[in-house]
Amino acid sequence: MPKSKERCQEIREEMRNTILQKSLLYFARNGFAGTKISDLSRNIGIAQGTIYVYFESKEELFREILKLADNSQMLKQMKKLTNMPISAAKKLRILSETVMKRLEEEEDFAAMIALSTQMLLEKDQASSEGTIYQTELYGYTAKLIEQGQREKTMVEESAMKLADYYWGVVYLYSLKRLFTREYEMISVEDLERTVRKG
């Protein structure tokens, strides 16, 4: 019995999503310049021609991967967390536990952190204005830190600079998660030390 039009569309969407998910890890490990579609197709086990059925070029595939790596889910959580009526120390603990758990359990999360950070750095280099600190994720983290500074639980330093330290450590361990087989993951407390007093 032939497949229905709806089932054919589902199969196309499944294949497209498979290509995107597997390519996310490959691009995170190799970068845009270090990725050739021929190498990518061999690595993810999908014919090069099949990739081109779904994406016209490496650039288009990469743009779609960046949409996956935009951290929109993390931003929603950060916005919600920032507005919660609890202490900054508790907010920081929730954030750090969430980040460390996802980093430990989800390779895709590590890839998204690595790729989005790389893109932020590239944008910063390409722009004479703006800095990596002008991202929403850093902005929400800075707000949390500023609350902690008012509560005397966070280090007295530029909140944006501290947000950079915090996410810089997350980025480092994302890279370790992606590139090394054996590494010692830091604890939630270690991550919090980048911004907390004491």
N, C-alpha and C. Protein backbone atom coordinates (compact mmCIF):
# COMPACT_ATOMS: atom_id res chain seq x y z
N MET A 1 0.84 -1.18 0.00
CA MET A 1 0.00 0.00 0.00
C MET A 1 0.89 1.25 0.00
N PRO A 2 0.62 2.20 -0.91
CA PRO A 2 1.46 3.41 -0.97
C PRO A 2 1.29 4.26 0.28
N LYS A 3 2.34 5.02 0.58
CA LYS A 3 2.30 5.91 1.75
C LYS A 3 1.41 7.11 1.45
N SER A 4 0.73 7.57 2.48
CA SER A 4 -0.11 8.75 2.33
C SER A 4 0.77 9.99 2.18
N LYS A 5 0.19 11.04 1.67
CA LYS A 5 0.90 12.31 1.51
C LYS A 5 1.41 12.80 2.86
N GLU A 6 0.58 12.64 3.90
CA GLU A 6 0.95 13.07 5.25
C GLU A 6 2.15 12.27 5.76
N ARG A 7 2.13 10.93 5.52
CA ARG A 7 3.23 10.09 5.99
C ARG A 7 4.52 10.44 5.25
N CYS A 8 4.43 10.72 3.96
CA CYS A 8 5.62 11.13 3.19
C CYS A 8 6.21 12.42 3.76
N GLN A 9 5.32 13.35 4.13
CA GLN A 9 5.78 14.62 4.72
C GLN A 9 6.44 14.37 6.08
N GLU A 10 5.88 13.47 6.87
CA GLU A 10 6.47 13.12 8.17
C GLU A 10 7.87 12.54 7.98
N ILE A 11 8.02 11.66 7.00
CA ILE A 11 9.32 11.04 6.73
C ILE A 11 10.33 12.10 6.31
N ARG A 12 9.91 13.04 5.47
CA ARG A 12 10.80 14.14 5.06
C ARG A 12 11.24 14.96 6.26
N GLU A 13 10.29 15.30 7.15
CA GLU A 13 10.61 16.09 8.34
C GLU A 13 11.55 15.32 9.27
N GLU A 14 11.32 14.02 9.43
CA GLU A 14 12.19 13.18 10.28
C GLU A 14 13.61 13.18 9.73
N MET A 15 13.76 13.01 8.41
CA MET A 15 15.10 13.00 7.80
C MET A 15 15.77 14.36 7.95
N ARG A 16 15.04 15.43 7.71
CA ARG A 16 15.58 16.78 7.85
C ARG A 16 16.07 17.01 9.28
N ASN A 17 15.27 16.61 10.26
CA ASN A 17 15.64 16.77 11.67
C ASN A 17 16.84 15.91 12.03
N THR A 18 16.92 14.71 11.47
CA THR A 18 18.07 13.83 11.72
C THR A 18 19.34 14.48 11.20
N ILE A 19 19.27 15.02 9.98
CA ILE A 19 20.44 15.70 9.40
C ILE A 19 20.85 16.87 10.29
N LEU A 20 19.89 17.67 10.73
CA LEU A 20 20.20 18.83 11.56
C LEU A 20 20.84 18.40 12.89
N GLN A 21 20.25 17.43 13.56
CA GLN A 21 20.77 17.01 14.88
C GLN A 21 22.18 16.45 14.76
N LYS A 22 22.40 15.57 13.78
CA LYS A 22 23.73 14.98 13.64
C LYS A 22 24.76 16.01 13.16
N SER A 23 24.32 16.94 12.33
CA SER A 23 25.23 17.98 11.84
C SER A 23 25.60 18.97 12.93
N LEU A 24 24.71 19.21 13.87
CA LEU A 24 24.99 20.11 15.00
C LEU A 24 26.26 19.68 15.72
N LEU A 25 26.36 18.42 16.05
CA LEU A 25 27.55 17.92 16.74
C LEU A 25 28.80 18.05 15.86
N TYR A 26 28.65 17.74 14.59
CA TYR A 26 29.80 17.80 13.69
C TYR A 26 30.31 19.23 13.53
N PHE A 27 29.40 20.18 13.31
CA PHE A 27 29.81 21.58 13.19
C PHE A 27 30.40 22.10 14.50
N ALA A 28 29.83 21.69 15.64
CA ALA A 28 30.36 22.14 16.93
C ALA A 28 31.79 21.65 17.12
N ARG A 29 32.08 20.46 16.64
CA ARG A 29 33.43 19.91 16.80
C ARG A 29 34.41 20.46 15.77
N ASN A 30 33.93 20.75 14.56
CA ASN A 30 34.83 21.11 13.47
C ASN A 30 34.74 22.55 13.00
N GLY A 31 33.72 23.27 13.44
CA GLY A 31 33.53 24.64 12.99
C GLY A 31 33.03 24.69 11.56
N PHE A 32 32.65 25.88 11.12
CA PHE A 32 32.12 26.03 9.76
C PHE A 32 33.21 25.78 8.73
N ALA A 33 34.35 26.43 8.89
CA ALA A 33 35.43 26.32 7.91
C ALA A 33 35.97 24.89 7.84
N GLY A 34 35.97 24.18 8.96
CA GLY A 34 36.51 22.83 9.00
C GLY A 34 35.53 21.75 8.59
N THR A 35 34.38 22.14 8.11
CA THR A 35 33.36 21.17 7.71
C THR A 35 33.20 21.16 6.20
N LYS A 36 33.37 19.97 5.62
CA LYS A 36 33.07 19.74 4.21
C LYS A 36 31.87 18.82 4.18
N ILE A 37 30.94 19.08 3.27
CA ILE A 37 29.73 18.26 3.20
C ILE A 37 30.08 16.79 2.96
N SER A 38 31.11 16.51 2.16
CA SER A 38 31.50 15.12 1.91
C SER A 38 31.94 14.43 3.21
N ASP A 39 32.73 15.13 4.04
CA ASP A 39 33.16 14.57 5.32
C ASP A 39 31.98 14.44 6.29
N LEU A 40 31.14 15.46 6.29
CA LEU A 40 29.96 15.45 7.16
C LEU A 40 29.06 14.27 6.82
N SER A 41 28.81 14.05 5.54
CA SER A 41 27.91 12.96 5.14
C SER A 41 28.46 11.60 5.56
N ARG A 42 29.76 11.41 5.40
CA ARG A 42 30.39 10.16 5.84
C ARG A 42 30.24 9.99 7.35
N ASN A 43 30.50 11.08 8.08
CA ASN A 43 30.48 11.03 9.53
C ASN A 43 29.09 10.74 10.09
N ILE A 44 28.06 11.33 9.50
CA ILE A 44 26.72 11.14 10.05
C ILE A 44 25.98 9.98 9.39
N GLY A 45 26.59 9.37 8.35
CA GLY A 45 26.01 8.18 7.73
C GLY A 45 24.81 8.47 6.84
N ILE A 46 24.82 9.64 6.21
CA ILE A 46 23.75 10.01 5.28
C ILE A 46 24.41 10.45 3.98
N ALA A 47 23.91 9.96 2.87
CA ALA A 47 24.51 10.27 1.57
C ALA A 47 24.56 11.78 1.34
N GLN A 48 25.65 12.20 0.72
CA GLN A 48 25.85 13.62 0.42
C GLN A 48 24.68 14.17 -0.40
N GLY A 49 24.22 13.41 -1.37
CA GLY A 49 23.09 13.83 -2.19
C GLY A 49 21.83 14.03 -1.38
N THR A 50 21.64 13.20 -0.36
CA THR A 50 20.46 13.33 0.50
C THR A 50 20.51 14.65 1.27
N ILE A 51 21.68 15.02 1.73
CA ILE A 51 21.82 16.30 2.43
C ILE A 51 21.41 17.44 1.51
N TYR A 52 21.84 17.36 0.24
CA TYR A 52 21.50 18.43 -0.71
C TYR A 52 20.04 18.42 -1.13
N VAL A 53 19.34 17.32 -0.91
CA VAL A 53 17.89 17.30 -1.16
C VAL A 53 17.20 18.24 -0.17
N TYR A 54 17.73 18.28 1.06
CA TYR A 54 17.09 19.06 2.13
C TYR A 54 17.69 20.45 2.31
N PHE A 55 18.94 20.62 1.93
CA PHE A 55 19.63 21.90 2.11
C PHE A 55 20.43 22.20 0.85
N GLU A 56 20.25 23.39 0.30
CA GLU A 56 20.90 23.75 -0.96
C GLU A 56 22.42 23.85 -0.86
N SER A 57 22.90 24.21 0.33
CA SER A 57 24.33 24.44 0.49
C SER A 57 24.74 24.22 1.95
N LYS A 58 26.04 24.19 2.14
CA LYS A 58 26.57 24.11 3.50
C LYS A 58 26.13 25.32 4.31
N GLU A 59 26.09 26.49 3.66
CA GLU A 59 25.69 27.72 4.34
C GLU A 59 24.24 27.63 4.84
N GLU A 60 23.36 27.10 4.00
CA GLU A 60 21.96 26.97 4.41
C GLU A 60 21.82 25.98 5.57
N LEU A 61 22.52 24.85 5.49
CA LEU A 61 22.50 23.87 6.57
C LEU A 61 23.00 24.51 7.86
N PHE A 62 24.07 25.26 7.77
CA PHE A 62 24.64 25.90 8.95
C PHE A 62 23.68 26.92 9.55
N ARG A 63 23.01 27.71 8.70
CA ARG A 63 22.03 28.68 9.20
C ARG A 63 20.92 27.97 9.98
N GLU A 64 20.47 26.85 9.48
CA GLU A 64 19.41 26.10 10.16
C GLU A 64 19.92 25.51 11.49
N ILE A 65 21.17 25.09 11.50
CA ILE A 65 21.77 24.58 12.75
C ILE A 65 21.87 25.69 13.78
N LEU A 66 22.22 26.89 13.33
CA LEU A 66 22.32 28.02 14.26
C LEU A 66 20.97 28.33 14.90
N LYS A 67 19.90 28.11 14.17
CA LYS A 67 18.57 28.29 14.76
C LYS A 67 18.35 27.31 15.89
N LEU A 68 18.87 26.10 15.75
CA LEU A 68 18.79 25.11 16.84
C LEU A 68 19.63 25.55 18.04
N ALA A 69 20.75 26.19 17.75
CA ALA A 69 21.71 26.56 18.79
C ALA A 69 21.45 27.93 19.39
N ASP A 70 20.27 28.48 19.18
CA ASP A 70 20.03 29.84 19.64
C ASP A 70 19.72 29.94 21.13
N ASN A 71 19.67 28.83 21.81
CA ASN A 71 19.44 28.81 23.26
C ASN A 71 18.12 29.44 23.67
N SER A 72 17.10 29.37 22.80
CA SER A 72 15.81 30.00 23.13
C SER A 72 15.18 29.37 24.37
N GLN A 73 15.33 28.07 24.52
CA GLN A 73 14.79 27.42 25.71
C GLN A 73 15.51 27.92 26.96
N MET A 74 16.81 28.02 26.89
CA MET A 74 17.60 28.52 28.01
C MET A 74 17.22 29.97 28.33
N LEU A 75 16.98 30.77 27.28
CA LEU A 75 16.59 32.17 27.50
C LEU A 75 15.25 32.26 28.21
N LYS A 76 14.29 31.43 27.82
CA LYS A 76 12.99 31.43 28.49
C LYS A 76 13.14 31.08 29.96
N GLN A 77 13.97 30.06 30.24
CA GLN A 77 14.21 29.66 31.63
C GLN A 77 14.89 30.78 32.40
N MET A 78 15.85 31.45 31.77
CA MET A 78 16.57 32.54 32.44
C MET A 78 15.64 33.70 32.75
N LYS A 79 14.78 34.04 31.80
CA LYS A 79 13.84 35.15 32.01
C LYS A 79 12.91 34.82 33.17
N LYS A 80 12.40 33.61 33.18
CA LYS A 80 11.50 33.17 34.25
C LYS A 80 12.24 33.16 35.60
N LEU A 81 13.45 32.63 35.59
CA LEU A 81 14.26 32.55 36.81
C LEU A 81 14.58 33.93 37.35
N THR A 82 14.95 34.85 36.48
CA THR A 82 15.31 36.20 36.89
C THR A 82 14.15 36.90 37.60
N ASN A 83 12.92 36.61 37.18
CA ASN A 83 11.75 37.27 37.75
C ASN A 83 11.16 36.55 38.97
N MET A 84 11.72 35.42 39.35
CA MET A 84 11.19 34.70 40.52
C MET A 84 11.49 35.48 41.80
N PRO A 85 10.55 35.48 42.76
CA PRO A 85 10.75 36.22 44.01
C PRO A 85 11.55 35.42 45.06
N ILE A 86 12.77 35.03 44.68
CA ILE A 86 13.66 34.30 45.59
C ILE A 86 15.03 34.98 45.56
N SER A 87 15.87 34.58 46.47
CA SER A 87 17.21 35.19 46.55
C SER A 87 18.03 34.85 45.31
N ALA A 88 19.00 35.71 45.06
CA ALA A 88 19.90 35.49 43.92
C ALA A 88 20.70 34.21 44.11
N ALA A 89 21.06 33.90 45.36
CA ALA A 89 21.81 32.68 45.64
C ALA A 89 21.00 31.45 45.22
N LYS A 90 19.71 31.46 45.51
CA LYS A 90 18.85 30.33 45.11
C LYS A 90 18.71 30.28 43.60
N LYS A 91 18.57 31.45 42.97
CA LYS A 91 18.47 31.49 41.51
C LYS A 91 19.73 30.93 40.87
N LEU A 92 20.88 31.34 41.41
CA LEU A 92 22.15 30.86 40.88
C LEU A 92 22.26 29.34 41.03
N ARG A 93 21.80 28.81 42.15
CA ARG A 93 21.85 27.37 42.37
C ARG A 93 20.97 26.64 41.35
N ILE A 94 19.77 27.15 41.11
CA ILE A 94 18.87 26.53 40.13
C ILE A 94 19.51 26.55 38.74
N LEU A 95 20.04 27.71 38.36
CA LEU A 95 20.69 27.84 37.06
C LEU A 95 21.87 26.88 36.94
N SER A 96 22.73 26.88 37.93
CA SER A 96 23.94 26.05 37.88
C SER A 96 23.61 24.56 37.86
N GLU A 97 22.65 24.15 38.65
CA GLU A 97 22.24 22.73 38.66
C GLU A 97 21.67 22.32 37.30
N THR A 98 20.85 23.19 36.73
CA THR A 98 20.26 22.90 35.41
C THR A 98 21.34 22.79 34.35
N VAL A 99 22.24 23.76 34.32
CA VAL A 99 23.30 23.78 33.31
C VAL A 99 24.20 22.55 33.45
N MET A 100 24.63 22.25 34.66
CA MET A 100 25.55 21.13 34.86
C MET A 100 24.88 19.79 34.56
N LYS A 101 23.62 19.65 34.93
CA LYS A 101 22.90 18.40 34.64
C LYS A 101 22.77 18.19 33.14
N ARG A 102 22.36 19.26 32.44
CA ARG A 102 22.20 19.14 30.99
C ARG A 102 23.56 18.91 30.31
N LEU A 103 24.58 19.56 30.80
CA LEU A 103 25.91 19.40 30.22
C LEU A 103 26.39 17.96 30.38
N GLU A 104 26.12 17.38 31.52
CA GLU A 104 26.55 16.02 31.80
C GLU A 104 25.73 14.99 31.01
N GLU A 105 24.45 15.24 30.84
CA GLU A 105 23.56 14.24 30.24
C GLU A 105 23.30 14.42 28.76
N GLU A 106 23.45 15.62 28.22
CA GLU A 106 23.04 15.89 26.84
C GLU A 106 24.20 16.41 25.99
N GLU A 107 24.70 15.57 25.13
CA GLU A 107 25.77 16.00 24.24
C GLU A 107 25.30 17.14 23.33
N ASP A 108 24.03 17.10 22.92
CA ASP A 108 23.49 18.17 22.08
C ASP A 108 23.52 19.52 22.79
N PHE A 109 23.28 19.52 24.10
CA PHE A 109 23.34 20.76 24.86
C PHE A 109 24.76 21.32 24.84
N ALA A 110 25.74 20.44 25.05
CA ALA A 110 27.14 20.87 24.99
C ALA A 110 27.47 21.43 23.61
N ALA A 111 26.97 20.78 22.56
CA ALA A 111 27.21 21.26 21.20
C ALA A 111 26.56 22.62 20.98
N MET A 112 25.35 22.81 21.49
CA MET A 112 24.67 24.09 21.32
C MET A 112 25.42 25.21 22.04
N ILE A 113 25.89 24.92 23.27
CA ILE A 113 26.67 25.93 24.00
C ILE A 113 27.95 26.27 23.24
N ALA A 114 28.65 25.25 22.79
CA ALA A 114 29.91 25.47 22.07
C ALA A 114 29.68 26.26 20.78
N LEU A 115 28.70 25.85 20.01
CA LEU A 115 28.45 26.49 18.73
C LEU A 115 27.94 27.91 18.90
N SER A 116 27.01 28.13 19.83
CA SER A 116 26.48 29.48 20.00
C SER A 116 27.56 30.42 20.55
N THR A 117 28.44 29.92 21.41
CA THR A 117 29.54 30.75 21.93
C THR A 117 30.52 31.09 20.81
N GLN A 118 30.85 30.11 19.98
CA GLN A 118 31.74 30.37 18.84
C GLN A 118 31.15 31.44 17.93
N MET A 119 29.84 31.36 17.69
CA MET A 119 29.20 32.34 16.82
C MET A 119 29.19 33.73 17.46
N LEU A 120 28.97 33.79 18.76
CA LEU A 120 29.03 35.08 19.46
C LEU A 120 30.41 35.71 19.33
N LEU A 121 31.43 34.89 19.49
CA LEU A 121 32.80 35.39 19.38
C LEU A 121 33.10 35.87 17.96
N GLU A 122 32.62 35.12 16.97
CA GLU A 122 32.83 35.53 15.59
C GLU A 122 32.09 36.83 15.27
N LYS A 123 30.86 36.96 15.79
CA LYS A 123 30.10 38.20 15.58
C LYS A 123 30.82 39.37 16.21
N ASP A 124 31.36 39.15 17.42
CA ASP A 124 32.08 40.21 18.12
C ASP A 124 33.29 40.65 17.33
N GLN A 125 34.01 39.70 16.75
CA GLN A 125 35.20 40.04 15.95
C GLN A 125 34.82 40.78 14.68
N ALA A 126 33.66 40.44 14.11
CA ALA A 126 33.25 41.05 12.84
C ALA A 126 32.62 42.42 13.03
N SER A 127 32.25 42.75 14.26
CA SER A 127 31.54 44.00 14.51
C SER A 127 32.44 44.99 15.23
N SER A 128 32.39 46.24 14.78
CA SER A 128 33.15 47.26 15.49
C SER A 128 32.34 47.78 16.67
N GLU A 129 31.02 47.54 16.63
CA GLU A 129 30.17 47.89 17.76
C GLU A 129 29.94 46.64 18.57
N GLY A 130 28.99 46.66 19.46
CA GLY A 130 28.53 45.48 20.16
C GLY A 130 29.60 44.55 20.68
N THR A 131 29.27 43.85 21.71
CA THR A 131 30.17 42.85 22.27
C THR A 131 29.37 41.61 22.58
N ILE A 132 30.07 40.55 22.94
CA ILE A 132 29.39 39.32 23.29
C ILE A 132 28.48 39.53 24.50
N TYR A 133 28.74 40.57 25.27
CA TYR A 133 27.95 40.82 26.46
C TYR A 133 26.54 41.33 26.15
N GLN A 134 26.30 41.68 24.90
CA GLN A 134 25.00 42.22 24.55
C GLN A 134 24.02 41.12 24.14
N THR A 135 24.26 39.90 24.56
CA THR A 135 23.31 38.82 24.31
C THR A 135 22.32 38.76 25.46
N GLU A 136 21.14 38.24 25.17
CA GLU A 136 20.12 38.15 26.21
C GLU A 136 20.55 37.21 27.34
N LEU A 137 21.19 36.11 26.99
CA LEU A 137 21.61 35.15 28.01
C LEU A 137 22.57 35.80 29.01
N TYR A 138 23.54 36.55 28.50
CA TYR A 138 24.47 37.26 29.38
C TYR A 138 23.73 38.34 30.17
N GLY A 139 22.80 39.00 29.51
CA GLY A 139 22.03 40.07 30.17
C GLY A 139 21.24 39.55 31.36
N TYR A 140 20.55 38.44 31.18
CA TYR A 140 19.78 37.85 32.29
C TYR A 140 20.70 37.37 33.40
N THR A 141 21.84 36.80 33.01
CA THR A 141 22.80 36.34 34.02
C THR A 141 23.33 37.55 34.80
N ALA A 142 23.60 38.63 34.11
CA ALA A 142 24.07 39.85 34.78
C ALA A 142 23.02 40.39 35.74
N LYS A 143 21.74 40.34 35.37
CA LYS A 143 20.67 40.79 36.28
C LYS A 143 20.66 39.96 37.55
N LEU A 144 20.81 38.66 37.40
CA LEU A 144 20.86 37.76 38.56
C LEU A 144 22.05 38.14 39.45
N ILE A 145 23.19 38.38 38.83
CA ILE A 145 24.40 38.75 39.57
C ILE A 145 24.21 40.10 40.27
N GLU A 146 23.60 41.07 39.59
CA GLU A 146 23.35 42.38 40.20
C GLU A 146 22.45 42.25 41.43
N GLN A 147 21.44 41.39 41.34
CA GLN A 147 20.59 41.14 42.51
C GLN A 147 21.44 40.58 43.65
N GLY A 148 22.31 39.64 43.32
CA GLY A 148 23.20 39.06 44.33
C GLY A 148 24.16 40.07 44.92
N GLN A 149 24.60 41.01 44.11
CA GLN A 149 25.48 42.06 44.61
C GLN A 149 24.74 42.95 45.60
N ARG A 150 23.48 43.25 45.30
CA ARG A 150 22.66 44.03 46.25
C ARG A 150 22.43 43.26 47.54
N GLU A 151 22.31 41.94 47.42
CA GLU A 151 22.10 41.08 48.60
C GLU A 151 23.42 40.71 49.28
N LYS A 152 24.54 41.18 48.72
CA LYS A 152 25.89 40.94 49.26
C LYS A 152 26.31 39.47 49.20
N THR A 153 25.78 38.72 48.22
CA THR A 153 26.16 37.31 48.07
C THR A 153 27.03 37.06 46.83
N MET A 154 27.14 38.08 45.97
CA MET A 154 27.93 37.94 44.74
C MET A 154 29.12 38.88 44.78
N VAL A 155 30.15 38.51 44.07
CA VAL A 155 31.38 39.28 43.98
C VAL A 155 31.08 40.68 43.45
N GLU A 156 31.77 41.67 44.02
CA GLU A 156 31.63 43.05 43.54
C GLU A 156 32.57 43.26 42.37
N GLU A 157 32.04 43.23 41.21
CA GLU A 157 32.78 43.38 39.96
C GLU A 157 31.72 43.67 38.90
N SER A 158 32.12 44.03 37.74
CA SER A 158 31.17 44.26 36.65
C SER A 158 30.31 43.00 36.47
N ALA A 159 29.00 43.15 36.52
CA ALA A 159 28.10 42.01 36.40
C ALA A 159 28.26 41.33 35.03
N MET A 160 28.48 42.12 34.00
CA MET A 160 28.68 41.53 32.68
C MET A 160 29.97 40.72 32.60
N LYS A 161 31.00 41.24 33.25
CA LYS A 161 32.28 40.53 33.28
C LYS A 161 32.12 39.20 34.02
N LEU A 162 31.38 39.22 35.11
CA LEU A 162 31.13 37.99 35.87
C LEU A 162 30.27 37.01 35.07
N ALA A 163 29.31 37.54 34.32
CA ALA A 163 28.50 36.68 33.45
C ALA A 163 29.40 36.01 32.40
N ASP A 164 30.36 36.77 31.91
CA ASP A 164 31.32 36.22 30.95
C ASP A 164 32.14 35.10 31.59
N TYR A 165 32.60 35.29 32.81
CA TYR A 165 33.35 34.24 33.52
C TYR A 165 32.49 32.98 33.66
N TYR A 166 31.26 33.19 34.12
CA TYR A 166 30.35 32.07 34.37
C TYR A 166 30.14 31.25 33.08
N TRP A 167 29.72 31.93 32.01
CA TRP A 167 29.44 31.21 30.77
C TRP A 167 30.72 30.76 30.09
N GLY A 168 31.84 31.42 30.37
CA GLY A 168 33.12 30.95 29.85
C GLY A 168 33.49 29.58 30.42
N VAL A 169 33.21 29.38 31.70
CA VAL A 169 33.46 28.07 32.33
C VAL A 169 32.53 27.03 31.72
N VAL A 170 31.26 27.39 31.51
CA VAL A 170 30.31 26.45 30.89
C VAL A 170 30.80 26.08 29.48
N TYR A 171 31.28 27.08 28.74
CA TYR A 171 31.80 26.83 27.40
C TYR A 171 33.00 25.88 27.43
N LEU A 172 33.92 26.12 28.36
CA LEU A 172 35.09 25.25 28.50
C LEU A 172 34.68 23.80 28.73
N TYR A 173 33.74 23.58 29.63
CA TYR A 173 33.33 22.21 29.92
C TYR A 173 32.46 21.63 28.82
N SER A 174 31.81 22.48 28.04
CA SER A 174 31.11 21.99 26.85
C SER A 174 32.13 21.43 25.86
N LEU A 175 33.23 22.15 25.68
CA LEU A 175 34.29 21.67 24.79
C LEU A 175 34.89 20.37 25.30
N LYS A 176 35.13 20.31 26.60
CA LYS A 176 35.68 19.07 27.17
C LYS A 176 34.71 17.91 26.93
N ARG A 177 33.44 18.18 27.10
CA ARG A 177 32.40 17.15 26.89
C ARG A 177 32.42 16.65 25.44
N LEU A 178 32.66 17.56 24.51
CA LEU A 178 32.64 17.21 23.09
C LEU A 178 33.94 16.59 22.59
N PHE A 179 35.07 17.03 23.13
CA PHE A 179 36.36 16.65 22.55
C PHE A 179 37.16 15.62 23.32
N THR A 180 36.83 15.37 24.55
CA THR A 180 37.63 14.42 25.32
C THR A 180 36.77 13.27 25.82
N ARG A 181 37.40 12.14 25.96
CA ARG A 181 36.68 10.96 26.45
C ARG A 181 36.63 10.95 27.98
N GLU A 182 37.74 11.31 28.58
CA GLU A 182 37.80 11.30 30.05
C GLU A 182 38.15 12.70 30.54
N TYR A 183 37.31 13.23 31.37
CA TYR A 183 37.56 14.53 31.97
C TYR A 183 36.80 14.56 33.29
N GLU A 184 37.26 15.39 34.18
CA GLU A 184 36.57 15.54 35.46
C GLU A 184 35.65 16.73 35.36
N MET A 185 34.35 16.48 35.50
CA MET A 185 33.36 17.55 35.44
C MET A 185 33.43 18.34 36.73
N ILE A 186 33.32 19.65 36.63
CA ILE A 186 33.30 20.46 37.84
C ILE A 186 31.96 20.30 38.54
N SER A 187 31.92 20.70 39.78
CA SER A 187 30.68 20.61 40.55
C SER A 187 29.88 21.89 40.38
N VAL A 188 28.63 21.85 40.81
CA VAL A 188 27.78 23.03 40.81
C VAL A 188 28.44 24.13 41.63
N GLU A 189 29.00 23.76 42.78
CA GLU A 189 29.67 24.73 43.65
C GLU A 189 30.86 25.38 42.96
N ASP A 190 31.62 24.58 42.21
CA ASP A 190 32.77 25.13 41.47
C ASP A 190 32.30 26.17 40.45
N LEU A 191 31.23 25.86 39.75
CA LEU A 191 30.70 26.80 38.76
C LEU A 191 30.22 28.08 39.44
N GLU A 192 29.55 27.95 40.56
CA GLU A 192 29.04 29.13 41.27
C GLU A 192 30.16 30.02 41.79
N ARG A 193 31.32 29.44 42.06
CA ARG A 193 32.46 30.22 42.59
C ARG A 193 32.91 31.31 41.63
N THR A 194 32.53 31.22 40.37
CA THR A 194 32.93 32.25 39.41
C THR A 194 32.25 33.58 39.73
N VAL A 195 31.13 33.55 40.47
CA VAL A 195 30.39 34.78 40.74
C VAL A 195 30.02 35.00 42.21
N ARG A 196 30.04 33.95 43.02
CA ARG A 196 29.61 34.06 44.43
C ARG A 196 30.74 34.46 45.36
N LYS A 197 30.37 35.15 46.41
CA LYS A 197 31.34 35.47 47.47
C LYS A 197 31.59 34.23 48.31
N GLY A 198 32.80 34.18 48.86
CA GLY A 198 33.11 33.13 49.85
C GLY A 198 33.53 31.89 49.31
